[in-house]
C-alpha atoms as a PDB file:
ATOM      1  CA  ASP A   1     -24.474  -9.430  17.713  1.00  0.00           C
ATOM      2  CA  ASN A   2     -23.077 -10.997  14.593  1.00  0.00           C
ATOM      3  CA  ARG A   3     -22.858  -7.837  12.527  1.00  0.00           C
ATOM      4  CA  ALA A   4     -19.620  -6.373  11.181  1.00  0.00           C
ATOM      5  CA  LEU A   5     -18.557  -3.064  12.208  1.00  0.00           C
ATOM      6  CA  ASN A   6     -18.391  -0.656   9.035  1.00  0.00           C
ATOM      7  CA  TYR A   7     -16.226   2.362   8.977  1.00  0.00           C
ATOM      8  CA  HIS A   8     -17.581   4.824   6.267  1.00  0.00           C
ATOM      9  CA  PHE A   9     -15.925   7.926   5.240  1.00  0.00           C
ATOM     10  CA  ASN A  10     -17.350  10.484   2.710  1.00  0.00           C
ATOM     11  CA  VAL A  11     -15.602   9.618  -0.505  1.00  0.00           C
ATOM     12  CA  ASN A  12     -15.076  12.504  -3.095  1.00  0.00           C
ATOM     13  CA  LEU A  13     -14.485  11.124  -6.682  1.00  0.00           C
ATOM     14  CA  ASN A  14     -11.649  13.427  -6.965  1.00  0.00           C
ATOM     15  CA  GLN A  15      -9.895  12.477  -3.546  1.00  0.00           C
ATOM     16  CA  SER A  16      -8.932   9.178  -1.945  1.00  0.00           C
ATOM     17  CA  ILE A  17      -9.526   8.093   1.349  1.00  0.00           C
ATOM     18  CA  ALA A  18      -5.943   7.371   1.842  1.00  0.00           C
ATOM     19  CA  ASP A  19      -3.167   9.834   2.185  1.00  0.00           C
ATOM     20  CA  THR A  20      -0.741   9.820  -0.896  1.00  0.00           C
ATOM     21  CA  VAL A  21       2.946   9.485   0.404  1.00  0.00           C
ATOM     22  CA  PHE A  22       6.226   9.255  -1.717  1.00  0.00           C
ATOM     23  CA  GLU A  23       7.646   6.354  -0.108  1.00  0.00           C
ATOM     24  CA  LEU A  24       6.727   3.337   2.157  1.00  0.00           C
ATOM     25  CA  GLY A  25       7.141   3.419   5.803  1.00  0.00           C
ATOM     26  CA  LYS A  26       9.486   1.265   7.610  1.00  0.00           C
ATOM     27  CA  GLU A  27       9.141  -2.058   9.247  1.00  0.00           C
ATOM     28  CA  ILE A  28       7.300  -3.612   6.231  1.00  0.00           C
ATOM     29  CA  ASP A  29       6.113  -7.089   7.462  1.00  0.00           C
ATOM     30  CA  CYS A  30       4.010  -8.481   4.664  1.00  0.00           C
ATOM     31  CA  MET A  31       3.572  -7.973   0.986  1.00  0.00           C
ATOM     32  CA  TYR A  32       0.658  -8.866  -1.380  1.00  0.00           C
ATOM     33  CA  GLN A  33       0.434  -8.464  -5.015  1.00  0.00           C
ATOM     34  CA  GLU A  34      -3.323  -8.322  -6.637  1.00  0.00           C
ATOM     35  CA  LYS A  35      -4.242 -10.295  -9.899  1.00  0.00           C
ATOM     36  CA  ASN A  36      -4.280  -6.799 -11.316  1.00  0.00           C
ATOM     37  CA  GLY A  37      -0.548  -6.052 -10.157  1.00  0.00           C
ATOM     38  CA  THR A  38      -1.420  -3.832  -7.646  1.00  0.00           C
ATOM     39  CA  TYR A  39       0.897  -4.123  -4.690  1.00  0.00           C
ATOM     40  CA  TRP A  40      -0.048  -3.977  -0.787  1.00  0.00           C
ATOM     41  CA  PHE A  41       2.521  -3.665   1.907  1.00  0.00           C
ATOM     42  CA  GLY A  42       1.666  -4.028   5.614  1.00  0.00           C
ATOM     43  CA  SER A  43       3.708  -2.688   8.254  1.00  0.00           C
ATOM     44  CA  ASN A  44       4.628  -3.067  11.868  1.00  0.00           C
ATOM     45  CA  GLY A  45       2.888   0.130  13.467  1.00  0.00           C
ATOM     46  CA  ASN A  46       2.711   2.258  10.196  1.00  0.00           C
ATOM     47  CA  GLY A  47      -0.452   0.937   8.678  1.00  0.00           C
ATOM     48  CA  LEU A  48      -1.257  -0.385   5.202  1.00  0.00           C
ATOM     49  CA  TYR A  49       0.347   0.791   1.879  1.00  0.00           C
ATOM     50  CA  LYS A  50      -1.155   0.118  -1.533  1.00  0.00           C
ATOM     51  CA  TYR A  51       1.101   0.898  -4.748  1.00  0.00           C
ATOM     52  CA  ASP A  52      -0.738   0.884  -8.219  1.00  0.00           C
ATOM     53  CA  GLY A  53       2.653   1.661 -10.276  1.00  0.00           C
ATOM     54  CA  LYS A  54       2.135   5.337  -9.976  1.00  0.00           C
ATOM     55  CA  HIS A  55       1.177   6.394  -6.469  1.00  0.00           C
ATOM     56  CA  ILE A  56       1.660   5.100  -3.051  1.00  0.00           C
ATOM     57  CA  LEU A  57      -1.377   5.367  -0.786  1.00  0.00           C
ATOM     58  CA  HIS A  58      -1.258   5.094   2.916  1.00  0.00           C
ATOM     59  CA  TYR A  59      -4.162   3.807   5.085  1.00  0.00           C
ATOM     60  CA  THR A  60      -4.166   3.836   8.913  1.00  0.00           C
ATOM     61  CA  LEU A  61      -6.569   4.065  11.945  1.00  0.00           C
ATOM     62  CA  LYS A  62      -7.398   7.490  10.635  1.00  0.00           C
ATOM     63  CA  GLN A  63      -9.147   6.104   7.376  1.00  0.00           C
ATOM     64  CA  GLY A  64     -10.770   3.016   9.398  1.00  0.00           C
ATOM     65  CA  LEU A  65      -7.909   0.226   9.473  1.00  0.00           C
ATOM     66  CA  ILE A  66      -8.442  -1.458  12.792  1.00  0.00           C
ATOM     67  CA  SER A  67      -4.788  -1.566  13.551  1.00  0.00           C
ATOM     68  CA  ASN A  68      -1.779   0.032  12.163  1.00  0.00           C
ATOM     69  CA  PHE A  69       0.121  -3.497  13.013  1.00  0.00           C
ATOM     70  CA  VAL A  70      -0.536  -5.425   9.740  1.00  0.00           C
ATOM     71  CA  TRP A  71       0.316  -9.139   9.810  1.00  0.00           C
ATOM     72  CA  ASN A  72      -1.145 -10.676   6.667  1.00  0.00           C
ATOM     73  CA  ILE A  73      -3.029  -9.442   3.271  1.00  0.00           C
ATOM     74  CA  GLN A  74      -4.998 -11.406   0.953  1.00  0.00           C
ATOM     75  CA  GLN A  75      -7.518 -11.060  -1.905  1.00  0.00           C
ATOM     76  CA  ASP A  76     -10.683 -12.863  -2.049  1.00  0.00           C
ATOM     77  CA  HIS A  77     -12.307 -14.144  -5.349  1.00  0.00           C
ATOM     78  CA  LYS A  78     -14.595 -11.096  -5.239  1.00  0.00           C
ATOM     79  CA  GLY A  79     -11.557  -8.738  -5.386  1.00  0.00           C
ATOM     80  CA  SER A  80     -11.978  -7.444  -1.744  1.00  0.00           C
ATOM     81  CA  ILE A  81      -8.792  -7.119   0.321  1.00  0.00           C
ATOM     82  CA  TRP A  82      -8.625  -8.829   3.612  1.00  0.00           C
ATOM     83  CA  ILE A  83      -6.326  -7.458   6.419  1.00  0.00           C
ATOM     84  CA  SER A  84      -5.236  -9.641   9.368  1.00  0.00           C
ATOM     85  CA  THR A  85      -3.577  -7.211  12.119  1.00  0.00           C
ATOM     86  CA  ARG A  86      -2.639  -7.449  15.584  1.00  0.00           C
ATOM     87  CA  ASP A  87      -6.279  -6.302  16.756  1.00  0.00           C
ATOM     88  CA  GLY A  88      -8.331  -8.400  14.589  1.00  0.00           C
ATOM     89  CA  ILE A  89      -9.348  -8.824  10.936  1.00  0.00           C
ATOM     90  CA  CYS A  90     -10.965  -6.330   8.393  1.00  0.00           C
ATOM     91  CA  ASN A  91     -11.838  -6.158   4.799  1.00  0.00           C
ATOM     92  CA  PHE A  92     -11.342  -3.261   2.383  1.00  0.00           C
ATOM     93  CA  ASP A  93     -13.792  -3.126  -0.502  1.00  0.00           C
ATOM     94  CA  GLY A  94     -11.906  -0.206  -2.204  1.00  0.00           C
ATOM     95  CA  ASN A  95     -13.951   2.243  -0.368  1.00  0.00           C
ATOM     96  CA  PHE A  96     -14.540   1.139   3.364  1.00  0.00           C
ATOM     97  CA  PHE A  97     -13.036  -1.017   5.959  1.00  0.00           C
ATOM     98  CA  THR A  98     -15.119  -3.347   7.562  1.00  0.00           C
ATOM     99  CA  ASP A  99     -14.180  -4.956  10.977  1.00  0.00           C
ATOM    100  CA  TYR A 100     -15.009  -8.678  11.176  1.00  0.00           C
ATOM    101  CA  THR A 101     -13.190  -9.461  14.349  1.00  0.00           C
ATOM    102  CA  ASP A 102     -16.222 -10.180  16.714  1.00  0.00           C
ATOM    103  CA  ILE A 103     -17.767 -12.196  13.956  1.00  0.00           C
ATOM    104  CA  ILE A 104     -14.634 -14.265  13.740  1.00  0.00           C
ATOM    105  CA  ALA A 105     -14.182 -14.789  17.432  1.00  0.00           C
ATOM    106  CA  ASN A 106     -17.665 -16.142  17.669  1.00  0.00           C
ATOM    107  CA  ALA A 107     -17.270 -18.293  14.162  1.00  0.00           C
ATOM    108  CA  PRO A 108     -18.140 -21.977  15.060  1.00  0.00           C
ATOM    109  CA  LEU A 109     -14.945 -24.057  15.761  1.00  0.00           C
ATOM    110  CA  SER A 110     -14.431 -26.829  13.263  1.00  0.00           C
ATOM    111  CA  ILE A 111     -12.019 -29.589  12.195  1.00  0.00           C
ATOM    112  CA  PHE A 112      -9.718 -28.523   9.201  1.00  0.00           C
ATOM    113  CA  LYS A 113     -11.357 -29.105   5.576  1.00  0.00           C
ATOM    114  CA  ASN A 114     -10.363 -28.107   2.349  1.00  0.00           C
ATOM    115  CA  PHE A 115     -12.095 -24.996   0.660  1.00  0.00           C
ATOM    116  CA  LYS A 116     -11.925 -23.328  -2.760  1.00  0.00           C
ATOM    117  CA  ASN A 117     -12.082 -19.654  -3.517  1.00  0.00           C
ATOM    118  CA  GLY A 118     -11.625 -18.762   0.097  1.00  0.00           C
ATOM    119  CA  VAL A 119      -9.311 -16.833   2.249  1.00  0.00           C
ATOM    120  CA  CYS A 120      -7.369 -18.099   5.420  1.00  0.00           C
ATOM    121  CA  PHE A 121      -6.468 -15.873   8.187  1.00  0.00           C
ATOM    122  CA  TYR A 122      -4.444 -16.213  11.295  1.00  0.00           C
ATOM    123  CA  LEU A 123      -4.803 -14.432  14.644  1.00  0.00           C
ATOM    124  CA  GLY A 124      -2.946 -15.475  17.634  1.00  0.00           C
ATOM    125  CA  ASP A 125      -3.450 -19.434  18.077  1.00  0.00           C
ATOM    126  CA  CYS A 126      -6.351 -19.785  15.749  1.00  0.00           C
ATOM    127  CA  VAL A 127      -6.886 -19.655  11.835  1.00  0.00           C
ATOM    128  CA  CYS A 128     -10.169 -18.681  10.401  1.00  0.00           C
ATOM    129  CA  THR A 129     -11.371 -19.352   6.956  1.00  0.00           C
ATOM    130  CA  PHE A 130     -13.748 -17.437   4.838  1.00  0.00           C
ATOM    131  CA  ASP A 131     -15.729 -19.230   1.794  1.00  0.00           C
ATOM    132  CA  GLY A 132     -17.408 -16.101   0.497  1.00  0.00           C
ATOM    133  CA  SER A 133     -20.465 -16.465   2.695  1.00  0.00           C
ATOM    134  CA  SER A 134     -19.571 -18.051   6.040  1.00  0.00           C
ATOM    135  CA  PHE A 135     -16.322 -18.034   8.382  1.00  0.00           C
ATOM    136  CA  ILE A 136     -14.986 -21.071  10.249  1.00  0.00           C
ATOM    137  CA  ARG A 137     -12.676 -20.905  13.253  1.00  0.00           C
ATOM    138  CA  TYR A 138      -9.880 -23.561  13.836  1.00  0.00           C
ATOM    139  CA  LYS A 139      -8.000 -23.664  17.116  1.00  0.00           C
ATOM    140  CA  ILE A 140      -4.539 -25.197  16.357  1.00  0.00           C
ATOM    141  CA  SER A 141      -3.129 -25.323  19.873  1.00  0.00           C
ATOM    142  CA  ASP A 142      -2.948 -28.271  22.111  1.00  0.00           C
ATOM    143  CA  GLU A 143      -6.188 -28.436  24.113  1.00  0.00           C
ATOM    144  CA  ASN A 144      -4.059 -28.704  27.294  1.00  0.00           C
ATOM    145  CA  TYR A 145      -1.765 -25.784  26.592  1.00  0.00           C
ATOM    146  CA  ILE A 146      -2.294 -22.727  29.040  1.00  0.00           C
ATOM    147  CA  GLN A 147      -0.848 -19.518  27.930  1.00  0.00           C
ATOM    148  CA  PRO A 148       1.643 -18.073  30.562  1.00  0.00           C
ATOM    149  CA  ARG A 149       0.752 -14.958  32.523  1.00  0.00           C
ATOM    150  CA  HIS A 150       2.465 -11.846  31.797  1.00  0.00           C
ATOM    151  CA  THR A 151       4.054 -12.840  28.388  1.00  0.00           C
ATOM    152  CA  ASN A 152       2.811 -12.799  24.766  1.00  0.00           C
ATOM    153  CA  TYR A 153       4.844 -15.913  24.059  1.00  0.00           C
ATOM    154  CA  ASN A 154       2.826 -18.661  22.420  1.00  0.00           C
ATOM    155  CA  PRO A 155       4.489 -21.768  20.711  1.00  0.00           C
ATOM    156  CA  TYR A 156       1.526 -21.842  18.659  1.00  0.00           C
ATOM    157  CA  SER A 157       1.355 -18.502  17.425  1.00  0.00           C
ATOM    158  CA  ILE A 158       0.972 -18.539  13.510  1.00  0.00           C
ATOM    159  CA  TYR A 159       3.553 -16.417  11.628  1.00  0.00           C
ATOM    160  CA  CYS A 160       2.800 -17.050   8.020  1.00  0.00           C
ATOM    161  CA  SER A 161       0.455 -19.340   5.683  1.00  0.00           C
ATOM    162  CA  LEU A 162       0.091 -20.687   2.165  1.00  0.00           C
ATOM    163  CA  ILE A 163      -2.686 -22.416   0.261  1.00  0.00           C
ATOM    164  CA  ASP A 164      -0.968 -24.592  -2.082  1.00  0.00           C
ATOM    165  CA  GLN A 165      -2.101 -25.772  -5.643  1.00  0.00           C
ATOM    166  CA  LYS A 166      -3.869 -28.799  -4.324  1.00  0.00           C
ATOM    167  CA  ASN A 167      -5.735 -26.396  -1.799  1.00  0.00           C
ATOM    168  CA  GLN A 168      -3.980 -27.489   1.098  1.00  0.00           C
ATOM    169  CA  LEU A 169      -3.339 -25.024   3.969  1.00  0.00           C
ATOM    170  CA  TRP A 170       0.383 -24.852   5.504  1.00  0.00           C
ATOM    171  CA  PHE A 171       1.181 -22.708   8.525  1.00  0.00           C
ATOM    172  CA  GLY A 172       4.498 -21.529  10.179  1.00  0.00           C
ATOM    173  CA  THR A 173       4.327 -21.243  13.779  1.00  0.00           C
ATOM    174  CA  GLN A 174       6.502 -20.019  16.609  1.00  0.00           C
ATOM    175  CA  GLU A 175       7.659 -23.428  17.647  1.00  0.00           C
ATOM    176  CA  LYS A 176       4.881 -26.367  17.618  1.00  0.00           C
END
């Protein structure tokens, strides 16, 4: 089944689906600034925060975020926020979170290619791109690499990424 899971909440125009808080939580692991100046902060266990210059909104599993362990935040060319987490990847359109983890896991494997107006996610030892209409998954580990049992260590784990001005993808890994 290639349908995304949608987490919908009744949204009252006078009330946000997020909790308003007065400060960011601890263990902030990633940050992103939207084109309009809004800041997003991802934490290691406390969910996602949005700061618009006046208010701090806090999103967690309660609001539909798929994991409170946020690794990366990006915005696509349509303005949607994409969140890479320990448990998968979701999209936030301003009202709803949509889980794309299963679609990405089943996305076709491919050889790296350049793309424009897309976003790039990392999940374990795989990279996934979304060009606005389709997902493509890239495995970056050596095809002979076998993950040791009883450990999460993987020398191919991706910790950061960058799309440069020439539309090239760069990744920082654990070791390889």
